[in-house]
C-alpha atoms as a PDB file:
ATOM      1  CA  MET A   1       0.000   0.000   0.000  1.00  0.00           C
ATOM      2  CA  LEU A   2       1.242   3.484  -0.810  1.00  0.00           C
ATOM      3  CA  ARG A   3       2.065   5.667   2.108  1.00  0.00           C
ATOM      4  CA  GLY A   4      -0.741   8.070   2.988  1.00  0.00           C
ATOM      5  CA  HIS A   5      -3.343   6.214   0.910  1.00  0.00           C
ATOM      6  CA  MET A   6      -6.162   4.195   2.390  1.00  0.00           C
ATOM      7  CA  ALA A   7      -6.927   0.791   0.952  1.00  0.00           C
ATOM      8  CA  ARG A   8     -10.155   0.731  -0.990  1.00  0.00           C
ATOM      9  CA  PRO A   9     -12.776  -1.523   0.645  1.00  0.00           C
ATOM     10  CA  LEU A  10     -13.577  -4.766  -1.130  1.00  0.00           C
ATOM     11  CA  GLN A  11     -16.699  -4.732  -3.273  1.00  0.00           C
ATOM     12  CA  PHE A  12     -18.568  -8.001  -3.152  1.00  0.00           C
ATOM     13  CA  VAL A  13     -20.423  -8.928  -6.332  1.00  0.00           C
ATOM     14  CA  ALA A  14     -22.454 -12.018  -7.133  1.00  0.00           C
ATOM     15  CA  SER A  15     -20.790 -14.143  -9.774  1.00  0.00           C
ATOM     16  CA  PRO A  16     -22.196 -14.575 -12.287  1.00  0.00           C
ATOM     17  CA  LEU A  17     -24.184 -11.358 -11.979  1.00  0.00           C
ATOM     18  CA  PRO A  18     -27.906 -12.191 -12.170  1.00  0.00           C
ATOM     19  CA  LYS A  19     -29.921 -10.821 -15.070  1.00  0.00           C
ATOM     20  CA  TRP A  20     -32.182  -8.897 -12.696  1.00  0.00           C
ATOM     21  CA  ALA A  21     -29.155  -7.042 -11.270  1.00  0.00           C
ATOM     22  CA  ARG A  22     -28.039  -6.032 -14.776  1.00  0.00           C
ATOM     23  CA  GLN A  23     -31.592  -4.925 -15.646  1.00  0.00           C
ATOM     24  CA  ILE A  24     -31.848  -2.727 -12.552  1.00  0.00           C
ATOM     25  CA  LYS A  25     -28.560  -0.998 -13.327  1.00  0.00           C
ATOM     26  CA  ALA A  26     -29.516  -0.600 -16.992  1.00  0.00           C
ATOM     27  CA  LEU A  27     -32.807   1.063 -16.001  1.00  0.00           C
ATOM     28  CA  ARG A  28     -31.056   3.434 -13.607  1.00  0.00           C
ATOM     29  CA  LEU A  29     -28.465   4.397 -16.215  1.00  0.00           C
ATOM     30  CA  LYS A  30     -31.151   4.828 -18.892  1.00  0.00           C
ATOM     31  CA  LEU A  31     -32.882   7.303 -16.571  1.00  0.00           C
ATOM     32  CA  GLY A  32     -29.580   9.124 -16.025  1.00  0.00           C
ATOM     33  CA  LEU A  33     -29.793   8.765 -12.243  1.00  0.00           C
ATOM     34  CA  ASN A  34     -27.167   7.977  -9.651  1.00  0.00           C
ATOM     35  CA  GLN A  35     -27.929   5.316  -7.045  1.00  0.00           C
ATOM     36  CA  SER A  36     -29.116   7.865  -4.491  1.00  0.00           C
ATOM     37  CA  GLU A  37     -31.537   9.536  -6.916  1.00  0.00           C
ATOM     38  CA  PHE A  38     -32.847   6.167  -8.098  1.00  0.00           C
ATOM     39  CA  GLY A  39     -33.289   5.108  -4.478  1.00  0.00           C
ATOM     40  CA  ASN A  40     -35.317   8.252  -3.793  1.00  0.00           C
ATOM     41  CA  HIS A  41     -37.747   7.248  -6.547  1.00  0.00           C
ATOM     42  CA  LEU A  42     -38.122   3.837  -4.916  1.00  0.00           C
ATOM     43  CA  LYS A  43     -38.076   5.103  -1.307  1.00  0.00           C
ATOM     44  CA  CYS A  44     -34.906   3.223  -0.391  1.00  0.00           C
ATOM     45  CA  SER A  45     -31.255   4.025   0.215  1.00  0.00           C
ATOM     46  CA  SER A  46     -28.392   4.123  -2.237  1.00  0.00           C
ATOM     47  CA  MET A  47     -26.840   1.220  -0.288  1.00  0.00           C
ATOM     48  CA  VAL A  48     -29.872  -0.930  -1.116  1.00  0.00           C
ATOM     49  CA  ILE A  49     -29.621   0.020  -4.798  1.00  0.00           C
ATOM     50  CA  SER A  50     -25.927  -0.914  -4.700  1.00  0.00           C
ATOM     51  CA  ARG A  51     -26.706  -4.345  -3.208  1.00  0.00           C
ATOM     52  CA  TRP A  52     -29.336  -4.949  -5.908  1.00  0.00           C
ATOM     53  CA  GLU A  53     -27.002  -3.930  -8.730  1.00  0.00           C
ATOM     54  CA  ARG A  54     -24.239  -6.172  -7.380  1.00  0.00           C
ATOM     55  CA  GLY A  55     -26.671  -9.093  -7.212  1.00  0.00           C
ATOM     56  CA  LEU A  56     -26.336  -9.468  -3.457  1.00  0.00           C
ATOM     57  CA  GLN A  57     -29.973  -8.810  -2.565  1.00  0.00           C
ATOM     58  CA  LYS A  58     -33.148  -9.224  -4.610  1.00  0.00           C
ATOM     59  CA  PRO A  59     -35.543  -6.276  -4.521  1.00  0.00           C
ATOM     60  CA  PRO A  60     -38.903  -6.762  -2.785  1.00  0.00           C
ATOM     61  CA  ALA A  61     -42.048  -7.016  -4.902  1.00  0.00           C
ATOM     62  CA  ASP A  62     -43.170  -3.432  -4.237  1.00  0.00           C
ATOM     63  CA  CYS A  63     -39.871  -2.077  -5.590  1.00  0.00           C
ATOM     64  CA  LEU A  64     -40.008  -4.388  -8.603  1.00  0.00           C
ATOM     65  CA  ILE A  65     -43.523  -3.133  -9.359  1.00  0.00           C
ATOM     66  CA  ALA A  66     -42.347   0.475  -9.026  1.00  0.00           C
ATOM     67  CA  MET A  67     -39.390  -0.190 -11.352  1.00  0.00           C
ATOM     68  CA  GLY A  68     -41.796  -1.719 -13.862  1.00  0.00           C
ATOM     69  CA  LYS A  69     -43.949   1.413 -13.735  1.00  0.00           C
ATOM     70  CA  ILE A  70     -40.890   3.642 -14.161  1.00  0.00           C
ATOM     71  CA  ALA A  71     -39.616   1.560 -17.101  1.00  0.00           C
ATOM     72  CA  GLY A  72     -43.048   1.154 -18.687  1.00  0.00           C
ATOM     73  CA  PRO A  73     -43.780  -1.497 -21.290  1.00  0.00           C
ATOM     74  CA  PRO A  74     -42.039  -3.379 -22.771  1.00  0.00           C
ATOM     75  CA  ALA A  75     -39.052  -3.131 -20.351  1.00  0.00           C
ATOM     76  CA  GLY A  76     -41.373  -3.057 -17.339  1.00  0.00           C
ATOM     77  CA  TRP A  77     -42.675  -6.552 -18.064  1.00  0.00           C
ATOM     78  CA  PHE A  78     -39.391  -8.014 -16.837  1.00  0.00           C
ATOM     79  CA  PHE A  79     -39.790  -6.386 -13.406  1.00  0.00           C
ATOM     80  CA  TRP A  80     -43.509  -7.161 -13.112  1.00  0.00           C
ATOM     81  CA  LYS A  81     -42.969 -10.802 -13.992  1.00  0.00           C
ATOM     82  CA  MET A  82     -40.199 -11.005 -11.405  1.00  0.00           C
ATOM     83  CA  ALA A  83     -42.636  -9.568  -8.841  1.00  0.00           C
ATOM     84  CA  GLY A  84     -45.112 -12.334  -9.680  1.00  0.00           C
ATOM     85  CA  ILE A  85     -47.593 -10.147 -11.544  1.00  0.00           C
ATOM     86  CA  ASP A  86     -49.259 -11.678 -14.564  1.00  0.00           C
ATOM     87  CA  GLU A  87     -49.863  -9.761 -17.773  1.00  0.00           C
ATOM     88  CA  ALA A  88     -53.573  -9.123 -17.151  1.00  0.00           C
ATOM     89  CA  ASP A  89     -52.901  -7.612 -13.729  1.00  0.00           C
ATOM     90  CA  ALA A  90     -50.084  -5.485 -15.121  1.00  0.00           C
ATOM     91  CA  ARG A  91     -52.371  -4.130 -17.850  1.00  0.00           C
ATOM     92  CA  ARG A  92     -54.993  -3.188 -15.222  1.00  0.00           C
ATOM     93  CA  MET A  93     -52.280  -1.536 -13.155  1.00  0.00           C
ATOM     94  CA  LEU A  94     -51.180   0.539 -16.155  1.00  0.00           C
ATOM     95  CA  GLU A  95     -54.744   1.685 -16.810  1.00  0.00           C
ATOM     96  CA  ASN A  96     -54.842   3.182 -13.309  1.00  0.00           C
ATOM     97  CA  VAL A  97     -51.627   5.180 -13.706  1.00  0.00           C
END
């Protein structure tokens, strides 16, 4: 280690990175948001967003539904399906937005 420099903490990442983790990060980047801003939209912390994007923790259903609404169809179908929502229910949900 160089003198006067702190060692960077280890970043744990699931290997291989799950598809849902890649999709969450892709949505956030598409929206042009940092993890804190994205977390604000979902009412959670940037640390939670980081754990999701690194594949260490799966998002709860309410956050998956919210991400689906943010993404909208067709990208939103991935998140809704992961939350256990079938297509008919998702269509009704979209009608009420």
